[in-house]
Amino acid sequence: MRWNLVVLASCLAMAGCAGASMAERQDENVQSSLQYDSVPCDQLLAQRNELAQRYRLSQDAKPSFSDPGVGLGPFTPDVRSKTQRDVEQASGRIDAMNRSIARRECGKPAKQTKLGLPS
């Protein structure tokens, strides 16, 4: 029994060191919204909507994180399918786009200034 635990612990440690752990790959899904600040609002809205439609996600998708257990995150191998990893990566991109859209107030009508004589 002890031998099995030693082998299991060694395998988990090697899986975590290989750069393919679940925690590491899920962290990669979180992206900076600053990269989208240079994209014009109308193009950014179109890109976000197209990405959400392609992966069948909502327009307010956010990346998800699994809870492998206390202290086991770096050692849990990533066993998700490529399709699932792509969907979760798209969720991260949509979330970053949404933060840029919200910060720049894209899609909202421009504030109109009143022109007229003071009363």
C-alpha atoms as a PDB file:
ATOM      1  CA  MET A   1       0.000   0.000   0.000  1.00  0.00           C
ATOM      2  CA  ARG A   2       2.789   2.429   0.845  1.00  0.00           C
ATOM      3  CA  TRP A   3       4.509   1.647  -2.436  1.00  0.00           C
ATOM      4  CA  ASN A   4       1.333   2.611  -4.340  1.00  0.00           C
ATOM      5  CA  LEU A   5       1.160   5.935  -2.506  1.00  0.00           C
ATOM      6  CA  VAL A   6       4.794   6.688  -3.303  1.00  0.00           C
ATOM      7  CA  VAL A   7       4.234   5.941  -6.996  1.00  0.00           C
ATOM      8  CA  LEU A   8       1.038   8.017  -7.043  1.00  0.00           C
ATOM      9  CA  ALA A   9       2.737  10.970  -5.351  1.00  0.00           C
ATOM     10  CA  SER A  10       5.644  10.762  -7.812  1.00  0.00           C
ATOM     11  CA  CYS A  11       3.292  10.717 -10.800  1.00  0.00           C
ATOM     12  CA  LEU A  12       1.339  13.705  -9.496  1.00  0.00           C
ATOM     13  CA  ALA A  13       4.546  15.652  -8.845  1.00  0.00           C
ATOM     14  CA  MET A  14       5.823  14.941 -12.364  1.00  0.00           C
ATOM     15  CA  ALA A  15       2.483  15.945 -13.892  1.00  0.00           C
ATOM     16  CA  GLY A  16       2.628  19.270 -12.055  1.00  0.00           C
ATOM     17  CA  CYS A  17       6.203  19.946 -13.144  1.00  0.00           C
ATOM     18  CA  ALA A  18       5.476  19.224 -16.791  1.00  0.00           C
ATOM     19  CA  GLY A  19       3.583  22.495 -17.237  1.00  0.00           C
ATOM     20  CA  ALA A  20       0.345  20.731 -18.036  1.00  0.00           C
ATOM     21  CA  SER A  21      -1.327  21.017 -14.654  1.00  0.00           C
ATOM     22  CA  MET A  22      -4.991  21.945 -14.454  1.00  0.00           C
ATOM     23  CA  ALA A  23      -4.308  25.051 -12.337  1.00  0.00           C
ATOM     24  CA  GLU A  24      -1.643  26.386 -14.670  1.00  0.00           C
ATOM     25  CA  ARG A  25      -3.737  25.968 -17.803  1.00  0.00           C
ATOM     26  CA  GLN A  26      -6.818  27.500 -16.174  1.00  0.00           C
ATOM     27  CA  ASP A  27      -4.771  30.526 -15.098  1.00  0.00           C
ATOM     28  CA  GLU A  28      -3.781  31.050 -18.741  1.00  0.00           C
ATOM     29  CA  ASN A  29      -7.459  31.629 -19.593  1.00  0.00           C
ATOM     30  CA  VAL A  30      -7.517  34.908 -17.661  1.00  0.00           C
ATOM     31  CA  GLN A  31      -6.411  37.651 -20.052  1.00  0.00           C
ATOM     32  CA  SER A  32      -5.711  41.346 -19.771  1.00  0.00           C
ATOM     33  CA  SER A  33      -8.360  43.645 -21.158  1.00  0.00           C
ATOM     34  CA  LEU A  34      -5.755  46.276 -22.073  1.00  0.00           C
ATOM     35  CA  GLN A  35      -4.916  44.434 -25.297  1.00  0.00           C
ATOM     36  CA  TYR A  36      -8.413  45.254 -26.598  1.00  0.00           C
ATOM     37  CA  ASP A  37      -8.322  48.978 -25.783  1.00  0.00           C
ATOM     38  CA  SER A  38      -6.815  49.826 -29.176  1.00  0.00           C
ATOM     39  CA  VAL A  39      -9.626  48.029 -31.056  1.00  0.00           C
ATOM     40  CA  PRO A  40     -12.481  50.345 -32.105  1.00  0.00           C
ATOM     41  CA  CYS A  41     -15.670  49.739 -30.113  1.00  0.00           C
ATOM     42  CA  ASP A  42     -17.802  48.538 -33.025  1.00  0.00           C
ATOM     43  CA  GLN A  43     -15.160  46.004 -34.098  1.00  0.00           C
ATOM     44  CA  LEU A  44     -14.662  44.820 -30.532  1.00  0.00           C
ATOM     45  CA  LEU A  45     -18.384  44.270 -30.021  1.00  0.00           C
ATOM     46  CA  ALA A  46     -18.529  42.313 -33.292  1.00  0.00           C
ATOM     47  CA  GLN A  47     -15.509  40.187 -32.326  1.00  0.00           C
ATOM     48  CA  ARG A  48     -16.988  39.406 -28.919  1.00  0.00           C
ATOM     49  CA  ASN A  49     -20.368  38.467 -30.378  1.00  0.00           C
ATOM     50  CA  GLU A  50     -18.767  36.266 -33.057  1.00  0.00           C
ATOM     51  CA  LEU A  51     -16.585  34.487 -30.489  1.00  0.00           C
ATOM     52  CA  ALA A  52     -19.559  33.888 -28.195  1.00  0.00           C
ATOM     53  CA  GLN A  53     -21.623  32.542 -31.080  1.00  0.00           C
ATOM     54  CA  ARG A  54     -18.826  30.276 -32.358  1.00  0.00           C
ATOM     55  CA  TYR A  55     -18.380  28.587 -28.960  1.00  0.00           C
ATOM     56  CA  ARG A  56     -22.064  28.813 -27.958  1.00  0.00           C
ATOM     57  CA  LEU A  57     -21.297  31.001 -24.945  1.00  0.00           C
ATOM     58  CA  SER A  58     -23.198  33.919 -23.495  1.00  0.00           C
ATOM     59  CA  GLN A  59     -21.904  37.415 -24.188  1.00  0.00           C
ATOM     60  CA  ASP A  60     -21.038  37.813 -20.507  1.00  0.00           C
ATOM     61  CA  ALA A  61     -19.045  34.550 -20.190  1.00  0.00           C
ATOM     62  CA  LYS A  62     -16.296  34.373 -17.597  1.00  0.00           C
ATOM     63  CA  PRO A  63     -13.481  31.850 -17.203  1.00  0.00           C
ATOM     64  CA  SER A  64     -14.216  29.030 -14.774  1.00  0.00           C
ATOM     65  CA  PHE A  65     -11.920  27.357 -12.301  1.00  0.00           C
ATOM     66  CA  SER A  66     -12.178  23.881 -10.830  1.00  0.00           C
ATOM     67  CA  ASP A  67     -11.305  23.109  -7.234  1.00  0.00           C
ATOM     68  CA  PRO A  68      -9.030  20.037  -7.242  1.00  0.00           C
ATOM     69  CA  GLY A  69      -8.570  20.045  -3.483  1.00  0.00           C
ATOM     70  CA  VAL A  70      -6.410  21.806  -0.979  1.00  0.00           C
ATOM     71  CA  GLY A  71      -2.810  21.907  -2.139  1.00  0.00           C
ATOM     72  CA  LEU A  72      -3.302  19.609  -5.122  1.00  0.00           C
ATOM     73  CA  GLY A  73      -3.875  22.269  -7.822  1.00  0.00           C
ATOM     74  CA  PRO A  74      -0.325  22.347  -9.202  1.00  0.00           C
ATOM     75  CA  PHE A  75      -0.161  18.553  -9.213  1.00  0.00           C
ATOM     76  CA  THR A  76      -3.492  17.714 -10.841  1.00  0.00           C
ATOM     77  CA  PRO A  77      -2.961  16.868 -14.514  1.00  0.00           C
ATOM     78  CA  ASP A  78      -5.196  18.574 -17.041  1.00  0.00           C
ATOM     79  CA  VAL A  79      -7.479  15.884 -18.414  1.00  0.00           C
ATOM     80  CA  ARG A  80      -9.961  18.173 -20.169  1.00  0.00           C
ATOM     81  CA  SER A  81     -10.574  17.631 -23.870  1.00  0.00           C
ATOM     82  CA  LYS A  82      -9.131  20.067 -26.406  1.00  0.00           C
ATOM     83  CA  THR A  83     -12.654  21.276 -27.149  1.00  0.00           C
ATOM     84  CA  GLN A  84     -13.299  22.054 -23.493  1.00  0.00           C
ATOM     85  CA  ARG A  85      -9.963  23.879 -23.166  1.00  0.00           C
ATOM     86  CA  ASP A  86     -10.799  25.955 -26.269  1.00  0.00           C
ATOM     87  CA  VAL A  87     -14.225  26.873 -24.870  1.00  0.00           C
ATOM     88  CA  GLU A  88     -12.719  27.958 -21.554  1.00  0.00           C
ATOM     89  CA  GLN A  89     -10.033  29.976 -23.341  1.00  0.00           C
ATOM     90  CA  ALA A  90     -12.763  31.706 -25.367  1.00  0.00           C
ATOM     91  CA  SER A  91     -14.564  32.502 -22.095  1.00  0.00           C
ATOM     92  CA  GLY A  92     -11.438  34.260 -20.876  1.00  0.00           C
ATOM     93  CA  ARG A  93     -11.144  36.280 -24.079  1.00  0.00           C
ATOM     94  CA  ILE A  94     -14.826  37.276 -23.913  1.00  0.00           C
ATOM     95  CA  ASP A  95     -14.384  38.384 -20.304  1.00  0.00           C
ATOM     96  CA  ALA A  96     -11.358  40.516 -21.222  1.00  0.00           C
ATOM     97  CA  MET A  97     -13.270  42.071 -24.123  1.00  0.00           C
ATOM     98  CA  ASN A  98     -16.203  42.834 -21.831  1.00  0.00           C
ATOM     99  CA  ARG A  99     -13.948  44.591 -19.318  1.00  0.00           C
ATOM    100  CA  SER A 100     -12.528  46.768 -22.108  1.00  0.00           C
ATOM    101  CA  ILE A 101     -16.038  47.476 -23.425  1.00  0.00           C
ATOM    102  CA  ALA A 102     -17.289  48.455 -19.965  1.00  0.00           C
ATOM    103  CA  ARG A 103     -14.284  50.644 -19.191  1.00  0.00           C
ATOM    104  CA  ARG A 104     -14.582  52.548 -22.469  1.00  0.00           C
ATOM    105  CA  GLU A 105     -18.399  52.563 -22.301  1.00  0.00           C
ATOM    106  CA  CYS A 106     -18.762  51.090 -25.781  1.00  0.00           C
ATOM    107  CA  GLY A 107     -22.266  50.655 -27.107  1.00  0.00           C
ATOM    108  CA  LYS A 108     -23.730  53.455 -25.010  1.00  0.00           C
ATOM    109  CA  PRO A 109     -25.110  56.512 -26.744  1.00  0.00           C
ATOM    110  CA  ALA A 110     -22.886  59.534 -26.581  1.00  0.00           C
ATOM    111  CA  LYS A 111     -23.846  62.150 -24.041  1.00  0.00           C
ATOM    112  CA  GLN A 112     -25.535  65.038 -25.737  1.00  0.00           C
ATOM    113  CA  THR A 113     -24.825  68.568 -24.696  1.00  0.00           C
ATOM    114  CA  LYS A 114     -27.668  70.994 -24.507  1.00  0.00           C
ATOM    115  CA  LEU A 115     -27.369  73.936 -26.784  1.00  0.00           C
ATOM    116  CA  GLY A 116     -29.510  76.822 -25.848  1.00  0.00           C
ATOM    117  CA  LEU A 117     -29.709  80.076 -24.088  1.00  0.00           C
ATOM    118  CA  PRO A 118     -29.422  80.200 -20.327  1.00  0.00           C
ATOM    119  CA  SER A 119     -32.700  81.053 -18.666  1.00  0.00           C
END
